[in-house]
Amino acid sequence: MTEWFYNRRTGEVEEGAVSLGSERDGPFASGEEAARAPQIIAERARKWAEEDAQRD
């Protein structure tokens, strides 16, 4: 199974672990999903922040 990554430094989608781990997000199931990495990560962060706020 191929893993896809989003390179934060270049903004490119990569097939496999091509770049340094500190520069990439993933793995994702598809290139399309990896391309949406910034949005997916922002959505997850908002959800986690909401969950944390509910605990307080």
Foldseek 3Di string as FASTA:
>chain_A
DWWWKAFQVVRAIDTPDDDDPVGIDDGDPDSVVRNCVVVVVVVVVVVVVVVVVVVD
